[in-house]
């Protein structure tokens, strides 16, 4: 079953690797370059899963989780 997955990471290479891995398995992937962009996407779109980098410039993964 394909999922709609939001990937939040501040490193372009990490986003690209995770996107390729997930798309190759049939999932729809939306990318966000950081915590603020990721939080904005969650407010406006529905996702089945959110994958986020724990260590990012503020807001980092922990701040996004408690938001």
C-alpha atoms as a PDB file:
ATOM      1  CA  UNK A   1       0.000   0.000   0.000  1.00  0.00           C
ATOM      2  CA  UNK A   2       1.610   3.281  -1.094  1.00  0.00           C
ATOM      3  CA  UNK A   3       1.958   5.945   1.584  1.00  0.00           C
ATOM      4  CA  UNK A   4       2.228   9.721   1.371  1.00  0.00           C
ATOM      5  CA  UNK A   5       5.430  10.493   3.287  1.00  0.00           C
ATOM      6  CA  UNK A   6       6.888  13.844   4.336  1.00  0.00           C
ATOM      7  CA  UNK A   7      10.681  13.844   4.631  1.00  0.00           C
ATOM      8  CA  UNK A   8      12.130  16.749   6.649  1.00  0.00           C
ATOM      9  CA  UNK A   9      15.916  17.127   6.492  1.00  0.00           C
ATOM     10  CA  UNK A  10      18.256  20.104   6.136  1.00  0.00           C
ATOM     11  CA  UNK A  11      20.787  18.144   4.036  1.00  0.00           C
ATOM     12  CA  UNK A  12      20.009  17.882   0.315  1.00  0.00           C
ATOM     13  CA  UNK A  13      21.902  14.589  -0.085  1.00  0.00           C
ATOM     14  CA  UNK A  14      19.946  12.950   2.746  1.00  0.00           C
ATOM     15  CA  UNK A  15      16.644  14.103   1.239  1.00  0.00           C
ATOM     16  CA  UNK A  16      17.640  12.755  -2.177  1.00  0.00           C
ATOM     17  CA  UNK A  17      18.709   9.333  -0.849  1.00  0.00           C
ATOM     18  CA  UNK A  18      15.576   8.861   1.255  1.00  0.00           C
ATOM     19  CA  UNK A  19      13.357  10.094  -1.591  1.00  0.00           C
ATOM     20  CA  UNK A  20      14.877   7.609  -4.079  1.00  0.00           C
ATOM     21  CA  UNK A  21      14.557   4.742  -1.614  1.00  0.00           C
ATOM     22  CA  UNK A  22      10.882   5.490  -0.900  1.00  0.00           C
ATOM     23  CA  UNK A  23       9.828   6.344  -4.464  1.00  0.00           C
ATOM     24  CA  UNK A  24      11.442   3.117  -5.727  1.00  0.00           C
ATOM     25  CA  UNK A  25       9.101   1.291  -3.340  1.00  0.00           C
ATOM     26  CA  UNK A  26       6.030   3.043  -4.712  1.00  0.00           C
ATOM     27  CA  UNK A  27       5.471   5.755  -2.118  1.00  0.00           C
ATOM     28  CA  UNK A  28       4.591   9.396  -2.730  1.00  0.00           C
ATOM     29  CA  UNK A  29       7.260  11.618  -1.181  1.00  0.00           C
ATOM     30  CA  UNK A  30       7.104  15.293  -0.241  1.00  0.00           C
ATOM     31  CA  UNK A  31      10.349  16.979   0.770  1.00  0.00           C
ATOM     32  CA  UNK A  32      10.907  19.805   3.256  1.00  0.00           C
ATOM     33  CA  UNK A  33      14.270  21.537   3.733  1.00  0.00           C
ATOM     34  CA  UNK A  34      13.864  22.204   7.447  1.00  0.00           C
ATOM     35  CA  UNK A  35      11.651  22.245  10.496  1.00  0.00           C
ATOM     36  CA  UNK A  36       9.674  25.372   9.658  1.00  0.00           C
ATOM     37  CA  UNK A  37       8.905  24.214   6.123  1.00  0.00           C
ATOM     38  CA  UNK A  38       7.991  20.779   7.456  1.00  0.00           C
ATOM     39  CA  UNK A  39       5.628  22.181  10.074  1.00  0.00           C
ATOM     40  CA  UNK A  40       3.959  24.355   7.425  1.00  0.00           C
ATOM     41  CA  UNK A  41       3.445  21.318   5.168  1.00  0.00           C
ATOM     42  CA  UNK A  42       1.889  19.311   8.018  1.00  0.00           C
ATOM     43  CA  UNK A  43      -0.565  22.148   8.672  1.00  0.00           C
ATOM     44  CA  UNK A  44      -1.765  22.201   5.056  1.00  0.00           C
ATOM     45  CA  UNK A  45      -1.497  18.569   3.896  1.00  0.00           C
ATOM     46  CA  UNK A  46      -2.300  15.104   5.207  1.00  0.00           C
ATOM     47  CA  UNK A  47       0.550  12.583   5.497  1.00  0.00           C
ATOM     48  CA  UNK A  48       0.610   8.918   6.417  1.00  0.00           C
ATOM     49  CA  UNK A  49       4.138   9.203   7.793  1.00  0.00           C
ATOM     50  CA  UNK A  50       6.631  11.958   8.639  1.00  0.00           C
ATOM     51  CA  UNK A  51      10.364  11.213   8.678  1.00  0.00           C
ATOM     52  CA  UNK A  52      12.494  13.946  10.147  1.00  0.00           C
ATOM     53  CA  UNK A  53      16.095  14.624  10.939  1.00  0.00           C
ATOM     54  CA  UNK A  54      16.677  14.960  14.649  1.00  0.00           C
ATOM     55  CA  UNK A  55      19.695  17.270  14.295  1.00  0.00           C
ATOM     56  CA  UNK A  56      18.801  20.386  12.267  1.00  0.00           C
ATOM     57  CA  UNK A  57      19.161  24.108  12.779  1.00  0.00           C
ATOM     58  CA  UNK A  58      16.312  25.413  14.927  1.00  0.00           C
ATOM     59  CA  UNK A  59      13.715  24.227  14.939  1.00  0.00           C
ATOM     60  CA  UNK A  60      15.340  20.801  15.047  1.00  0.00           C
ATOM     61  CA  UNK A  61      13.666  17.435  15.197  1.00  0.00           C
ATOM     62  CA  UNK A  62      12.821  17.614  18.897  1.00  0.00           C
ATOM     63  CA  UNK A  63      11.207  21.043  18.589  1.00  0.00           C
ATOM     64  CA  UNK A  64       9.172  19.873  15.611  1.00  0.00           C
ATOM     65  CA  UNK A  65       7.984  16.805  17.545  1.00  0.00           C
ATOM     66  CA  UNK A  66       6.722  18.816  20.497  1.00  0.00           C
ATOM     67  CA  UNK A  67       5.159  21.471  18.269  1.00  0.00           C
END
